[in-house]
Amino acid sequence: MMGSDTMFHNTHGGVFKFADAAFYQIQTYVQNDHKKPEAGGLLLGRFIMDTADVVVDQVTVPMQGDRRSRRRFYREAKNHQNIIDRHWKESRHRCNYLGGWHTHAEPDPSPSRIDTTDWIDALQRNQFDGETLYFIIVGTHEIRAWEGNRLTLSITELKPATNEEA
């Protein structure tokens, strides 16, 4: 799951991509064994000046207080928020909250009704720079990405991009 899996065309004409370290970190949670529970966290990164590109530099991962089962993941907000706040401060306000990620125990993942409801809720209630958040679902064979718009509350699936297109 590398290559174009780490980069997608966003709706603003740029690319949404993962730094290698962030992508490798979420890959460790792929549900490639029937005993592995769902996992998830938040996406942290930056907007590239004078472009429409967005880079995920870091992710939060499951931590104490989160609840995990084979088909459910509940992120307890406080601990993840503490990480966002710390990175925001340490980066001198350059490391932004970009959205969330989680796993599904299916080869080619698609969002559940709970997922899309949670995404719209995040667009309406969370504080973030810009007008969009990104949502990633990591399946057992594919990773898929969506972009949510806070103004229209629309959710758009993003198409994979290659290095040549970026």
C-alpha atoms as a PDB file:
ATOM      1  CA  MET A   1       0.000   0.000   0.000  1.00  0.00           C
ATOM      2  CA  MET A   2       2.413   2.673  -1.112  1.00  0.00           C
ATOM      3  CA  GLY A   3       2.891   4.970  -4.063  1.00  0.00           C
ATOM      4  CA  SER A   4      -0.357   6.581  -5.176  1.00  0.00           C
ATOM      5  CA  ASP A   5      -1.928   5.469  -1.873  1.00  0.00           C
ATOM      6  CA  THR A   6      -0.113   8.308  -0.160  1.00  0.00           C
ATOM      7  CA  MET A   7      -1.350  11.078  -2.470  1.00  0.00           C
ATOM      8  CA  PHE A   8      -4.753  12.253  -3.704  1.00  0.00           C
ATOM      9  CA  HIS A   9      -6.101  15.086  -5.868  1.00  0.00           C
ATOM     10  CA  ASN A  10      -7.947  17.542  -3.626  1.00  0.00           C
ATOM     11  CA  THR A  11     -10.928  19.629  -4.708  1.00  0.00           C
ATOM     12  CA  HIS A  12      -8.846  22.828  -4.890  1.00  0.00           C
ATOM     13  CA  GLY A  13      -6.592  21.652  -7.726  1.00  0.00           C
ATOM     14  CA  GLY A  14      -3.718  20.552  -5.502  1.00  0.00           C
ATOM     15  CA  VAL A  15      -2.723  17.325  -3.843  1.00  0.00           C
ATOM     16  CA  PHE A  16      -3.415  15.958  -0.410  1.00  0.00           C
ATOM     17  CA  LYS A  17      -0.514  13.747   0.594  1.00  0.00           C
ATOM     18  CA  PHE A  18       1.090  11.906   3.470  1.00  0.00           C
ATOM     19  CA  ALA A  19       4.666  12.314   4.605  1.00  0.00           C
ATOM     20  CA  ASP A  20       6.203   8.824   4.636  1.00  0.00           C
ATOM     21  CA  ALA A  21       6.472   8.597   8.431  1.00  0.00           C
ATOM     22  CA  ALA A  22       2.787   9.456   8.941  1.00  0.00           C
ATOM     23  CA  PHE A  23       1.688   6.953   6.305  1.00  0.00           C
ATOM     24  CA  TYR A  24       3.851   4.164   7.720  1.00  0.00           C
ATOM     25  CA  GLN A  25       2.399   4.837  11.161  1.00  0.00           C
ATOM     26  CA  ILE A  26      -1.206   4.296  10.066  1.00  0.00           C
ATOM     27  CA  GLN A  27      -0.206   1.245   8.006  1.00  0.00           C
ATOM     28  CA  THR A  28       0.779  -0.537  11.220  1.00  0.00           C
ATOM     29  CA  TYR A  29      -2.909  -0.556  12.187  1.00  0.00           C
ATOM     30  CA  VAL A  30      -4.221  -2.258   9.014  1.00  0.00           C
ATOM     31  CA  GLN A  31      -6.708  -4.920  10.100  1.00  0.00           C
ATOM     32  CA  ASN A  32      -4.892  -7.723   8.278  1.00  0.00           C
ATOM     33  CA  ASP A  33      -5.596 -10.250  11.026  1.00  0.00           C
ATOM     34  CA  HIS A  34      -9.060 -11.227  12.267  1.00  0.00           C
ATOM     35  CA  LYS A  35      -8.042 -10.314  15.819  1.00  0.00           C
ATOM     36  CA  LYS A  36      -6.996  -6.727  15.046  1.00  0.00           C
ATOM     37  CA  PRO A  37      -9.555  -4.127  16.155  1.00  0.00           C
ATOM     38  CA  GLU A  38     -10.356  -0.913  14.315  1.00  0.00           C
ATOM     39  CA  ALA A  39      -7.941   1.931  14.945  1.00  0.00           C
ATOM     40  CA  GLY A  40      -7.949   5.615  14.213  1.00  0.00           C
ATOM     41  CA  GLY A  41      -6.761   9.061  15.052  1.00  0.00           C
ATOM     42  CA  LEU A  42      -6.347  12.567  13.736  1.00  0.00           C
ATOM     43  CA  LEU A  43      -4.392  14.033  10.826  1.00  0.00           C
ATOM     44  CA  LEU A  44      -1.952  16.872  11.554  1.00  0.00           C
ATOM     45  CA  GLY A  45      -0.031  18.799   8.947  1.00  0.00           C
ATOM     46  CA  ARG A  46       0.378  21.906   6.890  1.00  0.00           C
ATOM     47  CA  PHE A  47      -0.902  23.894   3.969  1.00  0.00           C
ATOM     48  CA  ILE A  48       1.853  24.529   1.419  1.00  0.00           C
ATOM     49  CA  MET A  49       2.178  28.260   0.738  1.00  0.00           C
ATOM     50  CA  ASP A  50       1.218  29.532  -2.703  1.00  0.00           C
ATOM     51  CA  THR A  51      -0.240  26.149  -3.684  1.00  0.00           C
ATOM     52  CA  ALA A  52      -3.398  24.147  -3.045  1.00  0.00           C
ATOM     53  CA  ASP A  53      -1.304  21.287  -1.606  1.00  0.00           C
ATOM     54  CA  VAL A  54      -1.825  19.851   1.873  1.00  0.00           C
ATOM     55  CA  VAL A  55       0.649  17.542   3.646  1.00  0.00           C
ATOM     56  CA  VAL A  56      -0.072  15.226   6.571  1.00  0.00           C
ATOM     57  CA  ASP A  57       3.120  15.246   8.622  1.00  0.00           C
ATOM     58  CA  GLN A  58       1.851  13.441  11.716  1.00  0.00           C
ATOM     59  CA  VAL A  59      -1.074  11.383  12.923  1.00  0.00           C
ATOM     60  CA  THR A  60      -2.426  10.568  16.327  1.00  0.00           C
ATOM     61  CA  VAL A  61      -2.929   6.876  17.021  1.00  0.00           C
ATOM     62  CA  PRO A  62      -5.155   4.925  19.413  1.00  0.00           C
ATOM     63  CA  MET A  63      -4.497   5.860  23.018  1.00  0.00           C
ATOM     64  CA  GLN A  64      -5.829   5.432  26.500  1.00  0.00           C
ATOM     65  CA  GLY A  65      -9.532   6.260  26.680  1.00  0.00           C
ATOM     66  CA  ASP A  66     -10.255   5.237  23.069  1.00  0.00           C
ATOM     67  CA  ARG A  67     -12.574   2.252  22.609  1.00  0.00           C
ATOM     68  CA  ARG A  68     -11.782  -0.330  19.958  1.00  0.00           C
ATOM     69  CA  SER A  69     -13.488  -3.434  18.608  1.00  0.00           C
ATOM     70  CA  ARG A  70     -13.340  -5.319  15.320  1.00  0.00           C
ATOM     71  CA  ARG A  71     -15.903  -3.035  13.655  1.00  0.00           C
ATOM     72  CA  ARG A  72     -15.922   0.108  15.791  1.00  0.00           C
ATOM     73  CA  PHE A  73     -13.518   2.792  16.924  1.00  0.00           C
ATOM     74  CA  TYR A  74     -14.386   5.563  19.343  1.00  0.00           C
ATOM     75  CA  ARG A  75     -11.822   8.323  19.781  1.00  0.00           C
ATOM     76  CA  GLU A  76     -11.893   9.948  23.221  1.00  0.00           C
ATOM     77  CA  ALA A  77     -11.388  13.601  22.307  1.00  0.00           C
ATOM     78  CA  LYS A  78      -9.341  14.914  25.248  1.00  0.00           C
ATOM     79  CA  ASN A  79      -6.078  13.015  24.722  1.00  0.00           C
ATOM     80  CA  HIS A  80      -6.062  13.603  20.960  1.00  0.00           C
ATOM     81  CA  GLN A  81      -6.837  17.300  21.495  1.00  0.00           C
ATOM     82  CA  ASN A  82      -3.875  17.568  23.871  1.00  0.00           C
ATOM     83  CA  ILE A  83      -1.607  16.326  21.070  1.00  0.00           C
ATOM     84  CA  ILE A  84      -3.082  18.825  18.607  1.00  0.00           C
ATOM     85  CA  ASP A  85      -2.574  21.657  21.095  1.00  0.00           C
ATOM     86  CA  ARG A  86       1.026  20.627  21.801  1.00  0.00           C
ATOM     87  CA  HIS A  87       1.976  20.385  18.109  1.00  0.00           C
ATOM     88  CA  TRP A  88       0.214  23.690  17.344  1.00  0.00           C
ATOM     89  CA  LYS A  89       2.239  25.435  20.037  1.00  0.00           C
ATOM     90  CA  GLU A  90       5.573  23.706  19.267  1.00  0.00           C
ATOM     91  CA  SER A  91       5.234  24.439  15.534  1.00  0.00           C
ATOM     92  CA  ARG A  92       4.506  28.124  16.187  1.00  0.00           C
ATOM     93  CA  HIS A  93       1.001  27.698  14.771  1.00  0.00           C
ATOM     94  CA  ARG A  94       2.021  25.889  11.578  1.00  0.00           C
ATOM     95  CA  CYS A  95       0.883  22.348  12.412  1.00  0.00           C
ATOM     96  CA  ASN A  96      -2.849  22.197  11.715  1.00  0.00           C
ATOM     97  CA  TYR A  97      -5.664  19.790  12.457  1.00  0.00           C
ATOM     98  CA  LEU A  98      -6.591  18.409   9.018  1.00  0.00           C
ATOM     99  CA  GLY A  99      -9.151  15.687   9.757  1.00  0.00           C
ATOM    100  CA  GLY A 100      -9.235  12.074  10.830  1.00  0.00           C
ATOM    101  CA  TRP A 101      -8.369   8.541   9.839  1.00  0.00           C
ATOM    102  CA  HIS A 102      -9.516   5.072  10.812  1.00  0.00           C
ATOM    103  CA  THR A 103      -9.339   1.494   9.613  1.00  0.00           C
ATOM    104  CA  HIS A 104     -11.941  -0.896   8.248  1.00  0.00           C
ATOM    105  CA  ALA A 105     -11.694  -4.679   8.074  1.00  0.00           C
ATOM    106  CA  GLU A 106     -12.467  -4.732   4.341  1.00  0.00           C
ATOM    107  CA  PRO A 107     -10.187  -4.707   1.290  1.00  0.00           C
ATOM    108  CA  ASP A 108     -11.640  -1.617  -0.418  1.00  0.00           C
ATOM    109  CA  PRO A 109     -13.127   0.489   2.384  1.00  0.00           C
ATOM    110  CA  SER A 110     -16.209   2.649   2.129  1.00  0.00           C
ATOM    111  CA  PRO A 111     -17.695   4.929   4.763  1.00  0.00           C
ATOM    112  CA  SER A 112     -20.533   3.689   6.928  1.00  0.00           C
ATOM    113  CA  ARG A 113     -23.519   5.868   7.793  1.00  0.00           C
ATOM    114  CA  ILE A 114     -21.851   6.432  11.189  1.00  0.00           C
ATOM    115  CA  ASP A 115     -18.676   7.608   9.417  1.00  0.00           C
ATOM    116  CA  THR A 116     -20.443  10.171   7.232  1.00  0.00           C
ATOM    117  CA  THR A 117     -22.522  11.415  10.177  1.00  0.00           C
ATOM    118  CA  ASP A 118     -19.332  11.844  12.240  1.00  0.00           C
ATOM    119  CA  TRP A 119     -17.618  13.659   9.354  1.00  0.00           C
ATOM    120  CA  ILE A 120     -20.449  16.146   8.944  1.00  0.00           C
ATOM    121  CA  ASP A 121     -20.496  16.661  12.712  1.00  0.00           C
ATOM    122  CA  ALA A 122     -16.737  17.415  12.629  1.00  0.00           C
ATOM    123  CA  LEU A 123     -17.256  19.945   9.829  1.00  0.00           C
ATOM    124  CA  GLN A 124     -19.948  21.712  11.844  1.00  0.00           C
ATOM    125  CA  ARG A 125     -18.412  21.642  15.321  1.00  0.00           C
ATOM    126  CA  ASN A 126     -14.631  21.405  15.147  1.00  0.00           C
ATOM    127  CA  GLN A 127     -12.326  24.405  14.941  1.00  0.00           C
ATOM    128  CA  PHE A 128      -9.936  24.297  11.997  1.00  0.00           C
ATOM    129  CA  ASP A 129      -8.256  26.550   9.456  1.00  0.00           C
ATOM    130  CA  GLY A 130      -9.675  26.680   5.947  1.00  0.00           C
ATOM    131  CA  GLU A 131     -12.956  25.309   4.723  1.00  0.00           C
ATOM    132  CA  THR A 132     -12.139  21.607   4.419  1.00  0.00           C
ATOM    133  CA  LEU A 133     -11.294  18.545   6.470  1.00  0.00           C
ATOM    134  CA  TYR A 134      -9.938  15.266   5.155  1.00  0.00           C
ATOM    135  CA  PHE A 135     -11.148  11.805   6.106  1.00  0.00           C
ATOM    136  CA  ILE A 136      -9.139   8.653   5.477  1.00  0.00           C
ATOM    137  CA  ILE A 137     -10.266   5.038   5.688  1.00  0.00           C
ATOM    138  CA  VAL A 138      -7.523   2.431   5.600  1.00  0.00           C
ATOM    139  CA  GLY A 139      -8.724  -0.941   4.322  1.00  0.00           C
ATOM    140  CA  THR A 140      -6.853  -4.209   4.183  1.00  0.00           C
ATOM    141  CA  HIS A 141      -5.765  -3.582   0.559  1.00  0.00           C
ATOM    142  CA  GLU A 142      -6.682   0.005  -0.295  1.00  0.00           C
ATOM    143  CA  ILE A 143      -6.692   3.407   1.341  1.00  0.00           C
ATOM    144  CA  ARG A 144      -9.372   5.893   0.351  1.00  0.00           C
ATOM    145  CA  ALA A 145      -9.735   9.610   1.059  1.00  0.00           C
ATOM    146  CA  TRP A 146     -12.614  12.079   1.244  1.00  0.00           C
ATOM    147  CA  GLU A 147     -12.709  15.842   1.592  1.00  0.00           C
ATOM    148  CA  GLY A 148     -15.498  17.539   3.516  1.00  0.00           C
ATOM    149  CA  ASN A 149     -16.490  21.154   2.952  1.00  0.00           C
ATOM    150  CA  ARG A 150     -17.687  23.099   5.999  1.00  0.00           C
ATOM    151  CA  LEU A 151     -19.682  25.606   3.924  1.00  0.00           C
ATOM    152  CA  THR A 152     -21.745  23.099   1.939  1.00  0.00           C
ATOM    153  CA  LEU A 153     -21.356  20.055   4.256  1.00  0.00           C
ATOM    154  CA  SER A 154     -20.586  18.059   1.119  1.00  0.00           C
ATOM    155  CA  ILE A 155     -18.270  15.045   1.211  1.00  0.00           C
ATOM    156  CA  THR A 156     -16.249  14.344  -1.959  1.00  0.00           C
ATOM    157  CA  GLU A 157     -14.186  11.224  -2.562  1.00  0.00           C
ATOM    158  CA  LEU A 158     -10.667  12.102  -3.706  1.00  0.00           C
ATOM    159  CA  LYS A 159      -8.984  10.324  -6.592  1.00  0.00           C
ATOM    160  CA  PRO A 160      -5.460   8.929  -6.187  1.00  0.00           C
ATOM    161  CA  ALA A 161      -2.597  10.955  -7.664  1.00  0.00           C
ATOM    162  CA  THR A 162       0.819   9.836  -8.803  1.00  0.00           C
ATOM    163  CA  ASN A 163       4.173  11.516  -8.209  1.00  0.00           C
ATOM    164  CA  GLU A 164       4.186  12.619 -11.863  1.00  0.00           C
ATOM    165  CA  GLU A 165       0.881  14.451 -11.345  1.00  0.00           C
ATOM    166  CA  ALA A 166       1.956  16.257  -8.158  1.00  0.00           C
END
